[in-house]
Amino acid sequence: MKDTEAAYLAGIIDGEGYIGHRCVQVELTDQDIALKVAELMGSPSVGTRQRGAYKRTWRAEVYGERALAVLATVLPYLGERRAAKARESLDRS
Protein backbone atom coordinates (compact mmCIF):
# COMPACT_ATOMS: atom_id res chain seq x y z
CA MET A 1 0.00 0.00 0.00
CA LYS A 2 1.33 3.45 -0.93
CA ASP A 3 1.84 6.05 1.81
CA THR A 4 -0.98 8.18 0.41
CA GLU A 5 -3.34 5.20 0.48
CA ALA A 6 -2.34 4.37 4.06
CA ALA A 7 -2.97 7.98 5.11
CA TYR A 8 -6.33 7.98 3.31
CA LEU A 9 -7.36 4.71 4.97
CA ALA A 10 -6.23 6.00 8.39
CA GLY A 11 -8.42 9.07 7.93
CA ILE A 12 -11.44 6.91 7.13
CA ILE A 13 -10.74 4.62 10.10
CA ASP A 14 -10.31 7.65 12.37
CA GLY A 15 -13.66 9.04 11.31
CA GLU A 16 -15.84 6.00 10.69
CA GLY A 17 -13.95 2.98 11.94
CA TYR A 18 -13.80 0.57 14.83
CA ILE A 19 -10.60 -1.05 16.06
CA GLY A 20 -10.88 -4.09 18.29
CA HIS A 21 -8.68 -7.04 19.18
CA ARG A 22 -7.40 -8.25 15.81
CA CYS A 23 -10.30 -6.48 14.08
CA VAL A 24 -10.83 -3.40 11.90
CA GLN A 25 -14.31 -2.40 10.75
CA VAL A 26 -15.49 0.60 8.77
CA GLU A 27 -19.18 1.33 8.18
CA LEU A 28 -20.15 4.06 5.73
CA THR A 29 -23.19 5.41 3.93
CA ASP A 30 -21.24 5.82 0.68
CA GLN A 31 -20.92 2.54 -1.20
CA ASP A 32 -18.07 3.71 -3.43
CA ILE A 33 -15.93 4.70 -0.45
CA ALA A 34 -16.74 1.43 1.35
CA LEU A 35 -15.60 -0.50 -1.73
CA LYS A 36 -12.36 1.52 -1.87
CA VAL A 37 -11.73 0.89 1.85
CA ALA A 38 -12.41 -2.83 1.39
CA GLU A 39 -9.93 -2.94 -1.47
CA LEU A 40 -7.24 -1.14 0.54
CA MET A 41 -7.75 -3.37 3.58
CA GLY A 42 -7.99 -6.56 1.54
CA SER A 43 -11.50 -7.23 2.82
CA PRO A 44 -13.07 -10.20 1.04
CA SER A 45 -16.50 -8.56 0.80
CA VAL A 46 -18.62 -5.54 1.69
CA GLY A 47 -21.78 -6.14 3.68
CA THR A 48 -24.81 -3.88 3.61
CA ARG A 49 -27.70 -3.20 5.94
CA GLN A 50 -30.70 -0.96 6.28
CA ARG A 51 -31.92 0.04 9.75
CA GLY A 52 -35.41 1.45 9.74
CA ALA A 53 -35.64 4.89 8.16
CA TYR A 54 -31.88 5.46 8.34
CA LYS A 55 -29.68 5.47 5.25
CA ARG A 56 -28.32 2.16 4.00
CA THR A 57 -24.76 1.48 5.16
CA TRP A 58 -21.92 -0.62 3.79
CA ARG A 59 -19.34 -2.30 6.01
CA ALA A 60 -15.83 -3.46 5.21
CA GLU A 61 -14.02 -5.48 7.84
CA VAL A 62 -10.89 -7.54 8.33
CA TYR A 63 -9.86 -9.84 11.15
CA GLY A 64 -6.82 -11.70 12.41
CA GLU A 65 -3.48 -11.33 10.68
CA ARG A 66 -4.96 -9.14 7.94
CA ALA A 67 -6.32 -6.70 10.54
CA LEU A 68 -2.93 -6.57 12.27
CA ALA A 69 -1.21 -5.84 8.94
CA VAL A 70 -3.68 -3.01 8.24
CA LEU A 71 -3.17 -1.55 11.72
CA ALA A 72 0.62 -1.66 11.41
CA THR A 73 0.42 0.10 8.04
CA VAL A 74 -1.93 2.91 9.07
CA LEU A 75 -0.61 3.41 12.63
CA PRO A 76 1.68 6.37 11.79
CA TYR A 77 -1.27 8.26 10.29
CA LEU A 78 -3.94 7.59 12.92
CA GLY A 79 -5.12 10.17 15.42
CA GLU A 80 -4.18 9.82 19.06
CA ARG A 81 -7.21 7.84 20.26
CA ARG A 82 -7.34 5.35 17.39
CA ALA A 83 -3.55 4.97 17.43
CA ALA A 84 -3.77 3.92 21.08
CA LYS A 85 -6.40 1.29 20.17
CA ALA A 86 -4.25 0.09 17.27
CA ARG A 87 -1.18 -0.24 19.52
CA GLU A 88 -3.26 -2.13 22.08
CA SER A 89 -4.45 -4.58 19.44
CA LEU A 90 -0.95 -5.02 18.02
CA ASP A 91 0.56 -5.53 21.47
CA ARG A 92 -2.03 -8.18 22.39
CA SER A 93 -1.34 -10.28 19.31
PDB file of N, CA and C in Angstrom:
ATOM      1  N   MET A   1       0.849  -1.174   0.000  1.00  0.00           N
ATOM      2  CA  MET A   1       0.000   0.000   0.000  1.00  0.00           C
ATOM      3  C   MET A   1       0.897   1.241   0.000  1.00  0.00           C
ATOM      4  N   LYS A   2       0.580   2.191  -0.862  1.00  0.00           N
ATOM      5  CA  LYS A   2       1.329   3.448  -0.926  1.00  0.00           C
ATOM      6  C   LYS A   2       1.072   4.274   0.337  1.00  0.00           C
ATOM      7  N   ASP A   3       1.998   5.184   0.642  1.00  0.00           N
ATOM      8  CA  ASP A   3       1.840   6.055   1.809  1.00  0.00           C
ATOM      9  C   ASP A   3       0.556   6.877   1.732  1.00  0.00           C
ATOM     10  N   THR A   4       0.237   7.374   0.548  1.00  0.00           N
ATOM     11  CA  THR A   4      -0.975   8.179   0.407  1.00  0.00           C
ATOM     12  C   THR A   4      -2.227   7.336   0.658  1.00  0.00           C
ATOM     13  N   GLU A   5      -2.211   6.086   0.234  1.00  0.00           N
ATOM     14  CA  GLU A   5      -3.340   5.197   0.477  1.00  0.00           C
ATOM     15  C   GLU A   5      -3.465   4.869   1.964  1.00  0.00           C
ATOM     16  N   ALA A   6      -2.330   4.651   2.622  1.00  0.00           N
ATOM     17  CA  ALA A   6      -2.343   4.365   4.057  1.00  0.00           C
ATOM     18  C   ALA A   6      -2.883   5.563   4.839  1.00  0.00           C
ATOM     19  N   ALA A   7      -2.487   6.767   4.444  1.00  0.00           N
ATOM     20  CA  ALA A   7      -2.968   7.976   5.113  1.00  0.00           C
ATOM     21  C   ALA A   7      -4.464   8.163   4.866  1.00  0.00           C
ATOM     22  N   TYR A   8      -4.910   7.895   3.647  1.00  0.00           N
ATOM     23  CA  TYR A   8      -6.335   7.977   3.307  1.00  0.00           C
ATOM     24  C   TYR A   8      -7.136   6.986   4.156  1.00  0.00           C
ATOM     25  N   LEU A   9      -6.674   5.750   4.205  1.00  0.00           N
ATOM     26  CA  LEU A   9      -7.361   4.714   4.973  1.00  0.00           C
ATOM     27  C   LEU A   9      -7.382   5.067   6.463  1.00  0.00           C
ATOM     28  N   ALA A  10      -6.286   5.596   6.975  1.00  0.00           N
ATOM     29  CA  ALA A  10      -6.235   6.005   8.386  1.00  0.00           C
ATOM     30  C   ALA A  10      -7.274   7.083   8.664  1.00  0.00           C
ATOM     31  N   GLY A  11      -7.426   8.019   7.750  1.00  0.00           N
ATOM     32  CA  GLY A  11      -8.425   9.073   7.925  1.00  0.00           C
ATOM     33  C   GLY A  11      -9.836   8.517   7.980  1.00  0.00           C
ATOM     34  N   ILE A  12     -10.121   7.545   7.130  1.00  0.00           N
ATOM     35  CA  ILE A  12     -11.440   6.909   7.125  1.00  0.00           C
ATOM     36  C   ILE A  12     -11.641   6.125   8.427  1.00  0.00           C
ATOM     37  N   ILE A  13     -10.635   5.383   8.850  1.00  0.00           N
ATOM     38  CA  ILE A  13     -10.738   4.617  10.097  1.00  0.00           C
ATOM     39  C   ILE A  13     -10.908   5.563  11.276  1.00  0.00           C
ATOM     40  N   ASP A  14     -10.168   6.661  11.294  1.00  0.00           N
ATOM     41  CA  ASP A  14     -10.309   7.653  12.366  1.00  0.00           C
ATOM     42  C   ASP A  14     -11.740   8.173  12.456  1.00  0.00           C
ATOM     43  N   GLY A  15     -12.345   8.434  11.316  1.00  0.00           N
ATOM     44  CA  GLY A  15     -13.665   9.044  11.308  1.00  0.00           C
ATOM     45  C   GLY A  15     -14.820   8.069  11.415  1.00  0.00           C
ATOM     46  N   GLU A  16     -14.706   6.914  10.805  1.00  0.00           N
ATOM     47  CA  GLU A  16     -15.843   6.003  10.691  1.00  0.00           C
ATOM     48  C   GLU A  16     -15.529   4.571  11.101  1.00  0.00           C
ATOM     49  N   GLY A  17     -14.363   4.352  11.694  1.00  0.00           N
ATOM     50  CA  GLY A  17     -13.949   2.981  11.945  1.00  0.00           C
ATOM     51  C   GLY A  17     -14.054   2.522  13.376  1.00  0.00           C
ATOM     52  N   TYR A  18     -13.853   1.228  13.533  1.00  0.00           N
ATOM     53  CA  TYR A  18     -13.800   0.575  14.828  1.00  0.00           C
ATOM     54  C   TYR A  18     -12.560  -0.296  14.826  1.00  0.00           C
ATOM     55  N   ILE A  19     -11.772  -0.200  15.891  1.00  0.00           N
ATOM     56  CA  ILE A  19     -10.600  -1.048  16.060  1.00  0.00           C
ATOM     57  C   ILE A  19     -10.809  -1.870  17.315  1.00  0.00           C
ATOM     58  N   GLY A  20     -10.760  -3.172  17.160  1.00  0.00           N
ATOM     59  CA  GLY A  20     -10.883  -4.087  18.287  1.00  0.00           C
ATOM     60  C   GLY A  20      -9.690  -5.023  18.301  1.00  0.00           C
ATOM     61  N   HIS A  21      -9.765  -6.052  19.123  1.00  0.00           N
ATOM     62  CA  HIS A  21      -8.683  -7.040  19.185  1.00  0.00           C
ATOM     63  C   HIS A  21      -8.647  -7.824  17.884  1.00  0.00           C
ATOM     64  N   ARG A  22      -7.594  -7.581  17.095  1.00  0.00           N
ATOM     65  CA  ARG A  22      -7.396  -8.253  15.809  1.00  0.00           C
ATOM     66  C   ARG A  22      -8.583  -8.031  14.870  1.00  0.00           C
ATOM     67  N   CYS A  23      -9.106  -6.796  14.861  1.00  0.00           N
ATOM     68  CA  CYS A  23     -10.301  -6.479  14.082  1.00  0.00           C
ATOM     69  C   CYS A  23     -10.278  -5.009  13.657  1.00  0.00           C
ATOM     70  N   VAL A  24     -10.616  -4.755  12.398  1.00  0.00           N
ATOM     71  CA  VAL A  24     -10.826  -3.398  11.901  1.00  0.00           C
ATOM     72  C   VAL A  24     -12.117  -3.413  11.097  1.00  0.00           C
ATOM     73  N   GLN A  25     -13.037  -2.517  11.453  1.00  0.00           N
ATOM     74  CA  GLN A  25     -14.310  -2.400  10.753  1.00  0.00           C
ATOM     75  C   GLN A  25     -14.539  -0.945  10.388  1.00  0.00           C
ATOM     76  N   VAL A  26     -15.118  -0.739   9.217  1.00  0.00           N
ATOM     77  CA  VAL A  26     -15.493   0.598   8.773  1.00  0.00           C
ATOM     78  C   VAL A  26     -16.891   0.497   8.182  1.00  0.00           C
ATOM     79  N   GLU A  27     -17.803   1.328   8.680  1.00  0.00           N
ATOM     80  CA  GLU A  27     -19.179   1.330   8.178  1.00  0.00           C
ATOM     81  C   GLU A  27     -19.508   2.732   7.667  1.00  0.00           C
ATOM     82  N   LEU A  28     -19.939   2.790   6.410  1.00  0.00           N
ATOM     83  CA  LEU A  28     -20.149   4.060   5.727  1.00  0.00           C
ATOM     84  C   LEU A  28     -21.482   4.080   4.988  1.00  0.00           C
ATOM     85  N   THR A  29     -21.969   5.281   4.725  1.00  0.00           N
ATOM     86  CA  THR A  29     -23.189   5.412   3.932  1.00  0.00           C
ATOM     87  C   THR A  29     -22.886   5.582   2.442  1.00  0.00           C
ATOM     88  N   ASP A  30     -21.636   5.686   2.080  1.00  0.00           N
ATOM     89  CA  ASP A  30     -21.239   5.823   0.676  1.00  0.00           C
ATOM     90  C   ASP A  30     -20.644   4.511   0.180  1.00  0.00           C
ATOM     91  N   GLN A  31     -21.351   3.846  -0.707  1.00  0.00           N
ATOM     92  CA  GLN A  31     -20.915   2.542  -1.199  1.00  0.00           C
ATOM     93  C   GLN A  31     -19.560   2.609  -1.888  1.00  0.00           C
ATOM     94  N   ASP A  32     -19.332   3.631  -2.693  1.00  0.00           N
ATOM     95  CA  ASP A  32     -18.068   3.708  -3.427  1.00  0.00           C
ATOM     96  C   ASP A  32     -16.870   3.824  -2.489  1.00  0.00           C
ATOM     97  N   ILE A  33     -17.023   4.564  -1.413  1.00  0.00           N
ATOM     98  CA  ILE A  33     -15.929   4.702  -0.450  1.00  0.00           C
ATOM     99  C   ILE A  33     -15.737   3.390   0.313  1.00  0.00           C
ATOM    100  N   ALA A  34     -16.833   2.724   0.661  1.00  0.00           N
ATOM    101  CA  ALA A  34     -16.741   1.434   1.346  1.00  0.00           C
ATOM    102  C   ALA A  34     -16.011   0.409   0.477  1.00  0.00           C
ATOM    103  N   LEU A  35     -16.282   0.414  -0.822  1.00  0.00           N
ATOM    104  CA  LEU A  35     -15.597  -0.499  -1.730  1.00  0.00           C
ATOM    105  C   LEU A  35     -14.105  -0.183  -1.820  1.00  0.00           C
ATOM    106  N   LYS A  36     -13.767   1.105  -1.840  1.00  0.00           N
ATOM    107  CA  LYS A  36     -12.364   1.519  -1.866  1.00  0.00           C
ATOM    108  C   LYS A  36     -11.653   1.087  -0.589  1.00  0.00           C
ATOM    109  N   VAL A  37     -12.301   1.292   0.562  1.00  0.00           N
ATOM    110  CA  VAL A  37     -11.734   0.889   1.850  1.00  0.00           C
ATOM    111  C   VAL A  37     -11.536  -0.624   1.884  1.00  0.00           C
ATOM    112  N   ALA A  38     -12.524  -1.371   1.419  1.00  0.00           N
ATOM    113  CA  ALA A  38     -12.410  -2.831   1.385  1.00  0.00           C
ATOM    114  C   ALA A  38     -11.227  -3.265   0.538  1.00  0.00           C
ATOM    115  N   GLU A  39     -11.058  -2.619  -0.591  1.00  0.00           N
ATOM    116  CA  GLU A  39      -9.931  -2.940  -1.474  1.00  0.00           C
ATOM    117  C   GLU A  39      -8.603  -2.661  -0.778  1.00  0.00           C
ATOM    118  N   LEU A  40      -8.485  -1.503  -0.142  1.00  0.00           N
ATOM    119  CA  LEU A  40      -7.239  -1.142   0.537  1.00  0.00           C
ATOM    120  C   LEU A  40      -6.925  -2.075   1.703  1.00  0.00           C
ATOM    121  N   MET A  41      -7.967  -2.494   2.429  1.00  0.00           N
ATOM    122  CA  MET A  41      -7.748  -3.373   3.580  1.00  0.00           C
ATOM    123  C   MET A  41      -7.616  -4.842   3.185  1.00  0.00           C
ATOM    124  N   GLY A  42      -8.004  -5.168   1.956  1.00  0.00           N
ATOM    125  CA  GLY A  42      -7.990  -6.562   1.538  1.00  0.00           C
ATOM    126  C   GLY A  42      -9.178  -7.325   2.106  1.00  0.00           C
ATOM    127  N   SER A  43     -10.277  -6.612   2.316  1.00  0.00           N
ATOM    128  CA  SER A  43     -11.503  -7.228   2.823  1.00  0.00           C
ATOM    129  C   SER A  43     -12.119  -8.087   1.731  1.00  0.00           C
ATOM    130  N   PRO A  44     -12.530  -9.315   2.064  1.00  0.00           N
ATOM    131  CA  PRO A  44     -13.070 -10.198   1.040  1.00  0.00           C
ATOM    132  C   PRO A  44     -14.433  -9.776   0.501  1.00  0.00           C
ATOM    133  N   SER A  45     -15.177  -8.967   1.257  1.00  0.00           N
ATOM    134  CA  SER A  45     -16.500  -8.557   0.804  1.00  0.00           C
ATOM    135  C   SER A  45     -16.941  -7.301   1.541  1.00  0.00           C
ATOM    136  N   VAL A  46     -18.015  -6.706   1.045  1.00  0.00           N
ATOM    137  CA  VAL A  46     -18.622  -5.539   1.689  1.00  0.00           C
ATOM    138  C   VAL A  46     -20.063  -5.901   1.994  1.00  0.00           C
ATOM    139  N   GLY A  47     -20.411  -5.855   3.281  1.00  0.00           N
ATOM    140  CA  GLY A  47     -21.783  -6.140   3.677  1.00  0.00           C
ATOM    141  C   GLY A  47     -22.616  -4.872   3.665  1.00  0.00           C
ATOM    142  N   THR A  48     -23.921  -5.030   3.599  1.00  0.00           N
ATOM    143  CA  THR A  48     -24.809  -3.876   3.605  1.00  0.00           C
ATOM    144  C   THR A  48     -25.965  -4.140   4.557  1.00  0.00           C
ATOM    145  N   ARG A  49     -26.517  -3.061   5.094  1.00  0.00           N
ATOM    146  CA  ARG A  49     -27.700  -3.199   5.936  1.00  0.00           C
ATOM    147  C   ARG A  49     -28.504  -1.910   5.936  1.00  0.00           C
ATOM    148  N   GLN A  50     -29.758  -2.080   6.213  1.00  0.00           N
ATOM    149  CA  GLN A  50     -30.697  -0.964   6.281  1.00  0.00           C
ATOM    150  C   GLN A  50     -31.379  -1.042   7.638  1.00  0.00           C
ATOM    151  N   ARG A  51     -31.268   0.018   8.439  1.00  0.00           N
ATOM    152  CA  ARG A  51     -31.917   0.038   9.750  1.00  0.00           C
ATOM    153  C   ARG A  51     -33.047   1.063   9.732  1.00  0.00           C
ATOM    154  N   GLY A  52     -34.261   0.568   9.699  1.00  0.00           N
ATOM    155  CA  GLY A  52     -35.413   1.448   9.740  1.00  0.00           C
ATOM    156  C   GLY A  52     -35.367   2.519   8.668  1.00  0.00           C
ATOM    157  N   ALA A  53     -35.599   3.758   9.092  1.00  0.00           N
ATOM    158  CA  ALA A  53     -35.640   4.888   8.164  1.00  0.00           C
ATOM    159  C   ALA A  53     -34.263   5.486   7.896  1.00  0.00           C
ATOM    160  N   TYR A  54     -33.230   4.942   8.541  1.00  0.00           N
ATOM    161  CA  TYR A  54     -31.876   5.459   8.340  1.00  0.00           C
ATOM    162  C   TYR A  54     -31.334   5.058   6.973  1.00  0.00           C
ATOM    163  N   LYS A  55     -30.308   5.769   6.531  1.00  0.00           N
ATOM    164  CA  LYS A  55     -29.677   5.466   5.255  1.00  0.00           C
ATOM    165  C   LYS A  55     -29.048   4.074   5.290  1.00  0.00           C
ATOM    166  N   ARG A  56     -29.005   3.451   4.146  1.00  0.00           N
ATOM    167  CA  ARG A  56     -28.316   2.163   4.004  1.00  0.00           C
ATOM    168  C   ARG A  56     -26.828   2.380   4.272  1.00  0.00           C
ATOM    169  N   THR A  57     -26.199   1.398   4.912  1.00  0.00           N
ATOM    170  CA  THR A  57     -24.764   1.475   5.164  1.00  0.00           C
ATOM    171  C   THR A  57     -24.062   0.270   4.557  1.00  0.00           C
ATOM    172  N   TRP A  58     -22.774   0.442   4.306  1.00  0.00           N
ATOM    173  CA  TRP A  58     -21.920  -0.619   3.792  1.00  0.00           C
ATOM    174  C   TRP A  58     -20.756  -0.782   4.759  1.00  0.00           C
ATOM    175  N   ARG A  59     -20.392  -2.022   5.038  1.00  0.00           N
ATOM    176  CA  ARG A  59     -19.340  -2.305   6.008  1.00  0.00           C
ATOM    177  C   ARG A  59     -18.246  -3.151   5.386  1.00  0.00           C
ATOM    178  N   ALA A  60     -17.016  -2.689   5.575  1.00  0.00           N
ATOM    179  CA  ALA A  60     -15.827  -3.456   5.205  1.00  0.00           C
ATOM    180  C   ALA A  60     -15.127  -3.816   6.506  1.00  0.00           C
ATOM    181  N   GLU A  61     -14.660  -5.050   6.607  1.00  0.00           N
ATOM    182  CA  GLU A  61     -14.021  -5.485   7.840  1.00  0.00           C
ATOM    183  C   GLU A  61     -12.956  -6.533   7.554  1.00  0.00           C
ATOM    184  N   VAL A  62     -11.944  -6.528   8.386  1.00  0.00           N
ATOM    185  CA  VAL A  62     -10.894  -7.543   8.331  1.00  0.00           C
ATOM    186  C   VAL A  62     -10.587  -7.991   9.751  1.00  0.00           C
ATOM    187  N   TYR A  63     -10.141  -9.235   9.859  1.00  0.00           N
ATOM    188  CA  TYR A  63      -9.858  -9.842  11.153  1.00  0.00           C
ATOM    189  C   TYR A  63      -8.515 -10.565  11.118  1.00  0.00           C
ATOM    190  N   GLY A  64      -8.012 -10.876  12.285  1.00  0.00           N
ATOM    191  CA  GLY A  64      -6.815 -11.699  12.408  1.00  0.00           C
ATOM    192  C   GLY A  64      -5.567 -11.021  11.868  1.00  0.00           C
ATOM    193  N   GLU A  65      -4.764 -11.818  11.195  1.00  0.00           N
ATOM    194  CA  GLU A  65      -3.477 -11.327  10.681  1.00  0.00           C
ATOM    195  C   GLU A  65      -3.658 -10.172   9.699  1.00  0.00           C
ATOM    196  N   ARG A  66      -4.708 -10.232   8.901  1.00  0.00           N
ATOM    197  CA  ARG A  66      -4.959  -9.142   7.941  1.00  0.00           C
ATOM    198  C   ARG A  66      -5.241  -7.841   8.674  1.00  0.00           C
ATOM    199  N   ALA A  67      -6.021  -7.896   9.744  1.00  0.00           N
ATOM    200  CA  ALA A  67      -6.318  -6.696  10.540  1.00  0.00           C
ATOM    201  C   ALA A  67      -5.039  -6.143  11.159  1.00  0.00           C
ATOM    202  N   LEU A  68      -4.193  -7.020  11.664  1.00  0.00           N
ATOM    203  CA  LEU A  68      -2.933  -6.574  12.269  1.00  0.00           C
ATOM    204  C   LEU A  68      -2.033  -5.904  11.232  1.00  0.00           C
ATOM    205  N   ALA A  69      -2.014  -6.439  10.013  1.00  0.00           N
ATOM    206  CA  ALA A  69      -1.212  -5.837   8.944  1.00  0.00           C
ATOM    207  C   ALA A  69      -1.750  -4.452   8.594  1.00  0.00           C
ATOM    208  N   VAL A  70      -3.076  -4.312   8.529  1.00  0.00           N
ATOM    209  CA  VAL A  70      -3.680  -3.008   8.239  1.00  0.00           C
ATOM    210  C   VAL A  70      -3.326  -2.026   9.347  1.00  0.00           C
ATOM    211  N   LEU A  71      -3.467  -2.441  10.599  1.00  0.00           N
ATOM    212  CA  LEU A  71      -3.174  -1.547  11.724  1.00  0.00           C
ATOM    213  C   LEU A  71      -1.715  -1.103  11.721  1.00  0.00           C
ATOM    214  N   ALA A  72      -0.806  -2.022  11.455  1.00  0.00           N
ATOM    215  CA  ALA A  72       0.617  -1.663  11.415  1.00  0.00           C
ATOM    216  C   ALA A  72       0.905  -0.662  10.299  1.00  0.00           C
ATOM    217  N   THR A  73       0.203  -0.791   9.185  1.00  0.00           N
ATOM    218  CA  THR A  73       0.418   0.095   8.041  1.00  0.00           C
ATOM    219  C   THR A  73      -0.116   1.499   8.294  1.00  0.00           C
ATOM    220  N   VAL A  74      -1.303   1.596   8.890  1.00  0.00           N
ATOM    221  CA  VAL A  74      -1.934   2.910   9.068  1.00  0.00           C
ATOM    222  C   VAL A  74      -1.555   3.593  10.383  1.00  0.00           C
ATOM    223  N   LEU A  75      -0.927   2.876  11.297  1.00  0.00           N
ATOM    224  CA  LEU A  75      -0.612   3.413  12.627  1.00  0.00           C
ATOM    225  C   LEU A  75       0.045   4.796  12.614  1.00  0.00           C
ATOM    226  N   PRO A  76       1.041   5.041  11.762  1.00  0.00           N
ATOM    227  CA  PRO A  76       1.682   6.374  11.787  1.00  0.00           C
ATOM    228  C   PRO A  76       0.741   7.522  11.414  1.00  0.00           C
ATOM    229  N   TYR A  77      -0.370   7.223  10.777  1.00  0.00           N
ATOM    230  CA  TYR A  77      -1.274   8.258  10.285  1.00  0.00           C
ATOM    231  C   TYR A  77      -2.540   8.414  11.139  1.00  0.00           C
ATOM    232  N   LEU A  78      -2.733   7.536  12.096  1.00  0.00           N
ATOM    233  CA  LEU A  78      -3.939   7.591  12.922  1.00  0.00           C
ATOM    234  C   LEU A  78      -3.868   8.714  13.946  1.00  0.00           C
ATOM    235  N   GLY A  79      -5.036   9.209  14.332  1.00  0.00           N
ATOM    236  CA  GLY A  79      -5.116  10.174  15.418  1.00  0.00           C
ATOM    237  C   GLY A  79      -4.764   9.508  16.739  1.00  0.00           C
ATOM    238  N   GLU A  80      -4.653  10.300  17.763  1.00  0.00           N
ATOM    239  CA  GLU A  80      -4.183   9.823  19.065  1.00  0.00           C
ATOM    240  C   GLU A  80      -5.032   8.684  19.633  1.00  0.00           C
ATOM    241  N   ARG A  81      -6.343   8.845  19.641  1.00  0.00           N
ATOM    242  CA  ARG A  81      -7.213   7.843  20.256  1.00  0.00           C
ATOM    243  C   ARG A  81      -7.203   6.523  19.492  1.00  0.00           C
ATOM    244  N   ARG A  82      -7.342   6.584  18.187  1.00  0.00           N
ATOM    245  CA  ARG A  82      -7.344   5.352  17.392  1.00  0.00           C
ATOM    246  C   ARG A  82      -5.950   4.705  17.372  1.00  0.00           C
ATOM    247  N   ALA A  83      -4.905   5.517  17.393  1.00  0.00           N
ATOM    248  CA  ALA A  83      -3.552   4.966  17.434  1.00  0.00           C
ATOM    249  C   ALA A  83      -3.346   4.163  18.715  1.00  0.00           C
ATOM    250  N   ALA A  84      -3.884   4.655  19.815  1.00  0.00           N
ATOM    251  CA  ALA A  84      -3.772   3.925  21.084  1.00  0.00           C
ATOM    252  C   ALA A  84      -4.488   2.571  20.979  1.00  0.00           C
ATOM    253  N   LYS A  85      -5.667   2.549  20.360  1.00  0.00           N
ATOM    254  CA  LYS A  85      -6.403   1.288  20.172  1.00  0.00           C
ATOM    255  C   LYS A  85      -5.637   0.353  19.245  1.00  0.00           C
ATOM    256  N   ALA A  86      -5.024   0.910  18.200  1.00  0.00           N
ATOM    257  CA  ALA A  86      -4.248   0.085  17.273  1.00  0.00           C
ATOM    258  C   ALA A  86      -3.047  -0.539  17.984  1.00  0.00           C
ATOM    259  N   ARG A  87      -2.331   0.268  18.770  1.00  0.00           N
ATOM    260  CA  ARG A  87      -1.180  -0.241  19.518  1.00  0.00           C
ATOM    261  C   ARG A  87      -1.612  -1.342  20.491  1.00  0.00           C
ATOM    262  N   GLU A  88      -2.736  -1.133  21.140  1.00  0.00           N
ATOM    263  CA  GLU A  88      -3.262  -2.130  22.077  1.00  0.00           C
ATOM    264  C   GLU A  88      -3.535  -3.450  21.353  1.00  0.00           C
ATOM    265  N   SER A  89      -4.155  -3.378  20.203  1.00  0.00           N
ATOM    266  CA  SER A  89      -4.448  -4.580  19.436  1.00  0.00           C
ATOM    267  C   SER A  89      -3.161  -5.259  18.953  1.00  0.00           C
ATOM    268  N   LEU A  90      -2.218  -4.469  18.485  1.00  0.00           N
ATOM    269  CA  LEU A  90      -0.946  -5.019  18.019  1.00  0.00           C
ATOM    270  C   LEU A  90      -0.152  -5.635  19.165  1.00  0.00           C
ATOM    271  N   ASP A  91      -0.177  -5.025  20.315  1.00  0.00           N
ATOM    272  CA  ASP A  91       0.562  -5.533  21.470  1.00  0.00           C
ATOM    273  C   ASP A  91      -0.027  -6.828  22.004  1.00  0.00           C
ATOM    274  N   ARG A  92      -1.347  -6.999  21.875  1.00  0.00           N
ATOM    275  CA  ARG A  92      -2.028  -8.182  22.389  1.00  0.00           C
ATOM    276  C   ARG A  92      -1.884  -9.391  21.469  1.00  0.00           C
ATOM    277  N   SER A  93      -1.402  -9.178  20.277  1.00  0.00           N
ATOM    278  CA  SER A  93      -1.337 -10.278  19.308  1.00  0.00           C
ATOM    279  C   SER A  93      -0.167 -11.211  19.541  1.00  0.00           C
TER     280      SER A  93
END
